[in-house]
Amino acid sequence: MLTKLVLPRQNLANAYVESFAKAKLLGGHQVFHHVTVLKEESVEGLHIKPDGVYVDCTMGGAGHSSLIASKLGPNGLLIALDQDDVALANAQTVLAPYLDRVKIVKSNFRELEKVLQNEPRALRDGLPQVDGILFDLGVSSPQLDDGDRGFSYNHDAELDMRMDRSTELTAKTIVNEWPADQIARILFEYGEEKFSRRIAGVIVEARTKQTIETTGELVELIKEGIPAAARRTGGHPAKRSFQALRIAVNDELGAFEEALEQSLRCLAPQGRVAVITFHSLEDRICKQFFVKNVEKCTCPSDLPYCVCKKTGVVKLVTRKPISPSEHELEVNQRARSAKLRIAEKL
């Protein structure tokens, strides 16, 4: 069973300062500055073997990737995936000391199996068989803080929200072209926004007068759709709607479900999958997926031993999710909703 790692206060603070992905100049701009969440706990949970093959499905600031790579020997391999060009460029610097044992790939993690099929070192008997897979879901701090990306309700920018800017669907398309019932559905299902219909109605009415171009315009429309009393509680009134639009633009939940299914096929026996989620929708998908694949006996309770012979695919390494320590939250408040679940393939 994984034990939760607790670092002394000063050591933890130093570790997090060191775990910042150092800003790299690209076209004259600082492009990445990110604190990795549950870094030690998730990598410890993968139980790294020096000669193993591992996949970081969400490289981001490369904090997890750099720690995994540091634990690998010359015969080990880390395959690090990301679809964000800024993250990919930053990783060349952050992972420079380990590029002899790291392969950086531009890909959505829903292509996990395909990526591994193209890497001979990840294959055994012609099939992907790796020793560990990590998912760190959500949006990296640089994406939230970069006003040009359109992820943040605190920065006025063009409505975009694409993780991969080569894809076509944007938040601008959704709010200006989708019917009201579809906008309301994604706000309710992906953002758990109880005023979803009112907000969708306001958006559709506004766009008949002029195109909704920016995040600032959208924030004002969302506020208009929420009663004044409700706006005074529960954080920023646009938080849930922006989350919902980001998930819809990037099909985050669909990609995650596909990748989880692939992860079990791609793990070798005793290989582990570690998942860090940041909101209830992601965590529910992960929890239900693990439970579905855990070994379950259906024999009557009065039988002295199992006769059904029903076996599962995984065992839980953590029966309850691991949350960030109080010390980590002091350093990074954005980690407050994070949950880590780990399972091992039988």
Protein backbone atom coordinates (compact mmCIF):
# COMPACT_ATOMS: atom_id res chain seq x y z
CA MET A 1 0.00 0.00 0.00
CA LEU A 2 1.35 3.44 -0.93
CA THR A 3 2.11 5.63 2.06
CA LYS A 4 1.52 9.33 1.71
CA LEU A 5 4.80 11.17 1.55
CA VAL A 6 5.09 14.12 3.94
CA LEU A 7 8.11 16.37 3.53
CA PRO A 8 9.36 18.81 6.16
CA ARG A 9 7.95 22.29 5.56
CA GLN A 10 11.20 23.90 4.38
CA ASN A 11 12.21 20.95 2.22
CA LEU A 12 8.80 20.92 0.58
CA ALA A 13 8.96 24.62 -0.15
CA ASN A 14 12.41 24.17 -1.70
CA ALA A 15 11.21 21.19 -3.72
CA TYR A 16 8.38 23.19 -5.19
CA VAL A 17 10.57 26.14 -6.02
CA GLU A 18 12.90 23.73 -7.83
CA SER A 19 9.97 22.02 -9.57
CA PHE A 20 8.94 25.20 -11.39
CA ALA A 21 9.34 24.70 -15.11
CA LYS A 22 11.76 27.54 -15.77
CA ALA A 23 10.40 30.17 -18.14
CA LYS A 24 11.86 29.87 -21.61
CA LEU A 25 12.07 32.75 -24.04
CA LEU A 26 10.20 32.02 -27.25
CA GLY A 27 9.67 34.93 -29.59
CA GLY A 28 10.61 37.27 -26.75
CA HIS A 29 7.96 36.02 -24.32
CA GLN A 30 8.13 33.93 -21.18
CA VAL A 31 6.07 30.87 -21.95
CA PHE A 32 6.13 28.38 -19.08
CA HIS A 33 6.09 28.71 -15.31
CA HIS A 34 4.35 25.81 -13.62
CA VAL A 35 4.26 24.07 -10.24
CA THR A 36 3.75 20.31 -10.45
CA VAL A 37 0.93 18.89 -8.29
CA LEU A 38 1.34 15.72 -6.17
CA LYS A 39 4.72 15.22 -7.80
CA GLU A 40 6.41 12.94 -5.27
CA GLU A 41 3.27 10.95 -4.41
CA SER A 42 2.35 10.12 -8.00
CA VAL A 43 5.85 9.12 -9.09
CA GLU A 44 6.34 7.06 -5.92
CA GLY A 45 3.04 5.36 -6.75
CA LEU A 46 4.35 4.25 -10.16
CA HIS A 47 7.09 2.26 -8.38
CA ILE A 48 9.74 3.19 -10.96
CA LYS A 49 12.18 0.50 -12.11
CA PRO A 50 15.48 1.81 -13.53
CA ASP A 51 15.14 -0.24 -16.72
CA GLY A 52 11.37 0.18 -17.07
CA VAL A 53 9.28 1.88 -19.76
CA TYR A 54 6.94 4.64 -18.61
CA VAL A 55 4.50 7.07 -20.19
CA ASP A 56 3.64 10.57 -19.00
CA CYS A 57 0.42 11.19 -20.90
CA THR A 58 0.23 14.85 -19.84
CA MET A 59 3.76 16.20 -19.82
CA GLY A 60 2.82 19.88 -19.30
CA GLY A 61 5.63 21.62 -17.41
CA ALA A 62 7.57 18.32 -17.34
CA GLY A 63 7.74 18.22 -13.53
CA HIS A 64 6.55 14.63 -13.29
CA SER A 65 8.53 13.68 -16.39
CA SER A 66 11.78 15.05 -15.00
CA LEU A 67 11.36 13.15 -11.72
CA ILE A 68 10.52 9.90 -13.53
CA ALA A 69 13.48 10.34 -15.89
CA SER A 70 15.83 11.00 -12.97
CA LYS A 71 14.96 7.57 -11.58
CA LEU A 72 15.63 5.72 -14.85
CA GLY A 73 18.92 4.09 -15.80
CA PRO A 74 20.46 4.12 -19.29
CA ASN A 75 18.21 1.24 -20.36
CA GLY A 76 15.02 2.87 -19.12
CA LEU A 77 12.63 4.91 -21.27
CA LEU A 78 10.09 7.64 -20.64
CA ILE A 79 7.64 8.56 -23.39
CA ALA A 80 6.25 12.03 -22.69
CA LEU A 81 3.11 13.18 -24.51
CA ASP A 82 1.62 16.63 -24.92
CA GLN A 83 -0.41 18.41 -27.60
CA ASP A 84 0.59 21.95 -26.60
CA ASP A 85 3.44 23.41 -28.69
CA VAL A 86 4.57 25.67 -25.84
CA ALA A 87 4.86 22.71 -23.47
CA LEU A 88 6.73 20.69 -26.09
CA ALA A 89 9.25 23.49 -26.66
CA ASN A 90 9.71 23.99 -22.91
CA ALA A 91 10.30 20.27 -22.37
CA GLN A 92 13.36 20.32 -24.60
CA THR A 93 14.99 22.55 -21.99
CA VAL A 94 13.58 21.03 -18.79
CA LEU A 95 14.32 17.45 -19.88
CA ALA A 96 17.65 18.22 -21.55
CA PRO A 97 19.70 16.24 -18.96
CA TYR A 98 17.63 13.12 -19.67
CA LEU A 99 17.03 13.18 -23.43
CA ASP A 100 19.03 9.95 -23.81
CA ARG A 101 16.18 8.17 -22.00
CA VAL A 102 13.19 10.38 -22.89
CA LYS A 103 11.14 10.50 -26.07
CA ILE A 104 8.91 13.59 -26.42
CA VAL A 105 5.87 13.13 -28.66
CA LYS A 106 3.24 15.63 -29.80
CA SER A 107 -0.03 13.76 -29.33
CA ASN A 108 -3.35 13.74 -27.52
CA PHE A 109 -3.34 10.91 -24.98
CA ARG A 110 -6.35 9.36 -26.70
CA GLU A 111 -3.70 8.18 -29.22
CA LEU A 112 -1.74 6.37 -26.48
CA GLU A 113 -1.90 2.92 -28.03
CA LYS A 114 -0.96 4.23 -31.47
CA VAL A 115 2.03 6.13 -30.07
CA LEU A 116 3.30 3.05 -28.26
CA GLN A 117 2.86 0.86 -31.34
CA ASN A 118 5.40 3.12 -33.05
CA GLU A 119 8.00 2.76 -30.29
CA PRO A 120 9.82 -0.61 -30.48
CA ARG A 121 11.12 -0.34 -26.91
CA ALA A 122 7.53 -0.24 -25.63
CA LEU A 123 6.55 -3.47 -27.41
CA ARG A 124 6.67 -7.04 -26.15
CA ASP A 125 5.65 -9.75 -28.59
CA GLY A 126 4.44 -7.00 -30.89
CA LEU A 127 2.07 -5.42 -28.36
CA PRO A 128 2.48 -2.32 -26.16
CA GLN A 129 3.52 -3.42 -22.65
CA VAL A 130 4.83 -0.64 -20.43
CA ASP A 131 5.55 -0.50 -16.70
CA GLY A 132 3.67 2.65 -15.75
CA ILE A 133 1.36 5.32 -17.12
CA LEU A 134 0.67 8.74 -15.57
CA PHE A 135 -2.24 11.10 -16.21
CA ASP A 136 -2.20 14.61 -14.71
CA LEU A 137 -5.46 16.10 -15.95
CA GLY A 138 -6.58 19.69 -16.23
CA VAL A 139 -4.98 22.85 -17.52
CA SER A 140 -1.39 23.81 -16.76
CA SER A 141 -0.81 27.10 -14.98
CA PRO A 142 0.85 28.69 -18.05
CA GLN A 143 -2.27 27.98 -20.09
CA LEU A 144 -4.45 29.55 -17.42
CA ASP A 145 -2.17 32.55 -17.06
CA ASP A 146 -1.52 33.19 -20.76
CA GLY A 147 -4.12 35.77 -21.71
CA ASP A 148 -3.88 34.82 -25.39
CA ARG A 149 -5.18 31.29 -24.88
CA GLY A 150 -8.70 32.19 -23.75
CA PHE A 151 -8.80 29.72 -20.86
CA SER A 152 -9.08 32.31 -18.11
CA TYR A 153 -12.04 34.39 -17.03
CA ASN A 154 -9.57 36.81 -15.42
CA HIS A 155 -7.94 37.86 -18.73
CA ASP A 156 -9.73 39.43 -21.68
CA ALA A 157 -8.73 37.51 -24.81
CA GLU A 158 -10.12 35.98 -27.95
CA LEU A 159 -12.41 33.02 -27.21
CA ASP A 160 -10.23 30.02 -28.03
CA MET A 161 -9.57 27.41 -25.28
CA ARG A 162 -7.86 24.89 -27.59
CA MET A 163 -5.10 22.80 -26.05
CA ASP A 164 -3.94 21.93 -29.57
CA ARG A 165 -4.18 25.02 -31.75
CA SER A 166 -4.13 22.94 -34.93
CA THR A 167 -7.67 21.69 -34.20
CA GLU A 168 -10.71 23.57 -35.53
CA LEU A 169 -13.30 23.78 -32.75
CA THR A 170 -12.99 26.85 -30.47
CA ALA A 171 -15.07 28.30 -27.65
CA LYS A 172 -15.98 31.13 -30.01
CA THR A 173 -17.60 28.63 -32.37
CA ILE A 174 -19.61 27.04 -29.58
CA VAL A 175 -21.02 30.25 -28.10
CA ASN A 176 -21.80 31.81 -31.48
CA GLU A 177 -23.05 28.82 -33.48
CA TRP A 178 -24.32 26.03 -31.26
CA PRO A 179 -28.05 25.97 -30.42
CA ALA A 180 -29.14 27.06 -26.95
CA ASP A 181 -30.06 23.55 -25.79
CA GLN A 182 -26.58 22.21 -26.64
CA ILE A 183 -24.85 25.11 -24.88
CA ALA A 184 -27.07 24.56 -21.83
CA ARG A 185 -26.30 20.83 -21.88
CA ILE A 186 -22.52 21.24 -21.80
CA LEU A 187 -22.70 23.94 -19.12
CA PHE A 188 -24.80 21.63 -16.95
CA GLU A 189 -23.02 18.33 -17.65
CA TYR A 190 -19.41 19.54 -17.77
CA GLY A 191 -19.61 22.54 -15.45
CA GLU A 192 -22.42 21.41 -13.14
CA GLU A 193 -23.86 24.91 -13.65
CA LYS A 194 -27.41 25.00 -12.28
CA PHE A 195 -28.22 28.21 -14.19
CA SER A 196 -27.12 26.67 -17.49
CA ARG A 197 -30.39 27.35 -19.35
CA ARG A 198 -30.53 30.97 -18.26
CA ILE A 199 -26.91 31.53 -19.28
CA ALA A 200 -27.43 29.81 -22.64
CA GLY A 201 -30.49 31.98 -23.26
CA VAL A 202 -28.54 35.16 -22.55
CA ILE A 203 -25.71 34.04 -24.86
CA VAL A 204 -28.04 33.22 -27.75
CA GLU A 205 -29.91 36.49 -27.40
CA ALA A 206 -26.67 38.52 -27.31
CA ARG A 207 -25.21 36.88 -30.39
CA THR A 208 -28.21 37.93 -32.49
CA LYS A 209 -27.00 41.51 -32.07
CA GLN A 210 -23.26 40.95 -32.53
CA THR A 211 -20.69 38.16 -32.51
CA ILE A 212 -19.30 37.26 -29.08
CA GLU A 213 -15.56 37.67 -29.61
CA THR A 214 -13.76 37.73 -26.27
CA THR A 215 -13.62 36.09 -22.86
CA GLY A 216 -14.48 39.43 -21.26
CA GLU A 217 -17.70 39.68 -23.24
CA LEU A 218 -18.61 36.11 -22.33
CA VAL A 219 -17.94 36.70 -18.61
CA GLU A 220 -20.41 39.60 -18.60
CA LEU A 221 -23.07 37.48 -20.32
CA ILE A 222 -22.57 34.64 -17.84
CA LYS A 223 -22.96 37.09 -14.94
CA GLU A 224 -26.16 38.38 -16.53
CA GLY A 225 -27.54 34.84 -16.62
CA ILE A 226 -26.91 34.19 -12.91
CA PRO A 227 -29.13 35.78 -10.24
CA ALA A 228 -27.40 38.49 -8.23
CA ALA A 229 -27.68 36.59 -4.95
CA ALA A 230 -26.02 33.50 -6.48
CA ARG A 231 -23.19 35.60 -7.92
CA ARG A 232 -22.13 36.66 -4.44
CA THR A 233 -21.22 33.13 -3.32
CA GLY A 234 -19.25 30.16 -4.66
CA GLY A 235 -16.27 31.86 -6.28
CA HIS A 236 -16.13 33.54 -9.66
CA PRO A 237 -19.50 33.23 -11.44
CA ALA A 238 -17.86 32.26 -14.76
CA LYS A 239 -15.69 29.47 -13.32
CA ARG A 240 -18.07 26.58 -14.02
CA SER A 241 -19.03 27.77 -17.50
CA PHE A 242 -15.42 28.29 -18.57
CA GLN A 243 -14.55 24.79 -17.31
CA ALA A 244 -17.45 23.35 -19.31
CA LEU A 245 -16.47 25.12 -22.51
CA ARG A 246 -12.83 24.05 -22.17
CA ILE A 247 -13.88 20.42 -21.69
CA ALA A 248 -16.19 20.59 -24.71
CA VAL A 249 -13.65 22.29 -26.99
CA ASN A 250 -11.00 19.66 -26.24
CA ASP A 251 -13.34 16.68 -25.72
CA GLU A 252 -11.43 16.10 -22.50
CA LEU A 253 -13.73 13.55 -20.91
CA GLY A 254 -14.12 11.50 -24.09
CA ALA A 255 -10.36 11.47 -24.60
CA PHE A 256 -9.79 10.48 -20.96
CA GLU A 257 -12.24 7.57 -21.13
CA GLU A 258 -10.60 6.27 -24.31
CA ALA A 259 -7.12 6.65 -22.87
CA LEU A 260 -8.03 4.81 -19.65
CA GLU A 261 -9.30 1.84 -21.64
CA GLN A 262 -6.10 1.84 -23.69
CA SER A 263 -3.92 2.16 -20.60
CA LEU A 264 -4.97 -1.24 -19.27
CA ARG A 265 -4.26 -2.88 -22.62
CA CYS A 266 -0.85 -1.21 -22.75
CA LEU A 267 0.29 -2.04 -19.21
CA ALA A 268 2.46 -5.07 -18.52
CA PRO A 269 1.48 -7.28 -15.55
CA GLN A 270 2.33 -5.43 -12.31
CA GLY A 271 2.43 -2.21 -14.28
CA ARG A 272 0.70 0.76 -12.66
CA VAL A 273 -1.51 3.60 -13.79
CA ALA A 274 -1.62 6.80 -11.70
CA VAL A 275 -4.30 9.43 -12.33
CA ILE A 276 -4.46 12.96 -10.92
CA THR A 277 -7.86 14.59 -11.38
CA PHE A 278 -9.00 18.12 -10.58
CA HIS A 279 -12.79 18.02 -10.64
CA SER A 280 -15.57 15.60 -9.81
CA LEU A 281 -16.36 14.60 -13.40
CA GLU A 282 -12.83 13.34 -14.07
CA ASP A 283 -12.56 11.69 -10.66
CA ARG A 284 -15.90 9.91 -11.10
CA ILE A 285 -14.79 8.49 -14.46
CA CYS A 286 -11.50 7.28 -12.97
CA LYS A 287 -13.09 5.80 -9.84
CA GLN A 288 -15.81 3.96 -11.77
CA PHE A 289 -13.29 2.65 -14.30
CA PHE A 290 -11.02 1.25 -11.60
CA VAL A 291 -13.96 -0.28 -9.70
CA LYS A 292 -15.26 -1.90 -12.89
CA ASN A 293 -11.90 -3.58 -13.49
CA VAL A 294 -11.09 -4.66 -9.94
CA GLU A 295 -11.23 -8.38 -9.16
CA LYS A 296 -14.72 -9.33 -7.93
CA CYS A 297 -15.95 -12.63 -6.56
CA THR A 298 -19.68 -13.31 -7.00
CA CYS A 299 -19.85 -16.43 -4.84
CA PRO A 300 -22.38 -16.53 -1.96
CA SER A 301 -20.86 -15.28 1.27
CA ASP A 302 -21.45 -18.61 3.06
CA LEU A 303 -19.13 -20.55 0.72
CA PRO A 304 -15.77 -21.31 2.37
CA TYR A 305 -13.81 -20.54 -0.84
CA CYS A 306 -14.30 -19.04 -4.30
CA VAL A 307 -15.76 -21.25 -6.99
CA CYS A 308 -16.83 -18.59 -9.52
CA LYS A 309 -13.22 -17.97 -10.61
CA LYS A 310 -14.11 -14.46 -11.71
CA THR A 311 -11.01 -12.32 -11.80
CA GLY A 312 -10.50 -8.67 -12.47
CA VAL A 313 -7.85 -6.79 -14.39
CA VAL A 314 -6.44 -4.53 -11.67
CA LYS A 315 -6.03 -4.14 -7.94
CA LEU A 316 -6.25 -0.79 -6.19
CA VAL A 317 -2.98 0.57 -4.79
CA THR A 318 -4.89 3.39 -3.10
CA ARG A 319 -8.42 2.55 -1.94
CA LYS A 320 -9.04 6.21 -1.19
CA PRO A 321 -7.66 9.05 -3.29
CA ILE A 322 -4.57 10.89 -2.09
CA SER A 323 -4.99 14.65 -1.71
CA PRO A 324 -2.30 17.35 -1.49
CA SER A 325 -0.86 17.97 1.95
CA GLU A 326 -1.47 21.21 3.81
CA HIS A 327 2.14 22.14 3.12
CA GLU A 328 1.65 21.72 -0.63
CA LEU A 329 -1.50 23.83 -0.56
CA GLU A 330 0.42 26.62 1.14
CA VAL A 331 2.74 26.69 -1.87
CA ASN A 332 0.15 26.07 -4.60
CA GLN A 333 -3.52 26.84 -3.98
CA ARG A 334 -4.41 25.54 -7.44
CA ALA A 335 -3.73 22.03 -6.12
CA ARG A 336 -6.62 22.17 -3.63
CA SER A 337 -9.03 20.05 -5.71
CA ALA A 338 -6.46 17.47 -6.87
CA LYS A 339 -6.99 13.76 -6.19
CA LEU A 340 -4.58 10.92 -6.97
CA ARG A 341 -5.77 7.35 -7.64
CA ILE A 342 -3.45 4.44 -8.47
CA ALA A 343 -4.15 0.92 -9.73
CA GLU A 344 -1.91 -2.02 -10.62
CA LYS A 345 -2.54 -4.48 -13.43
CA LEU A 346 -2.75 -8.10 -12.37
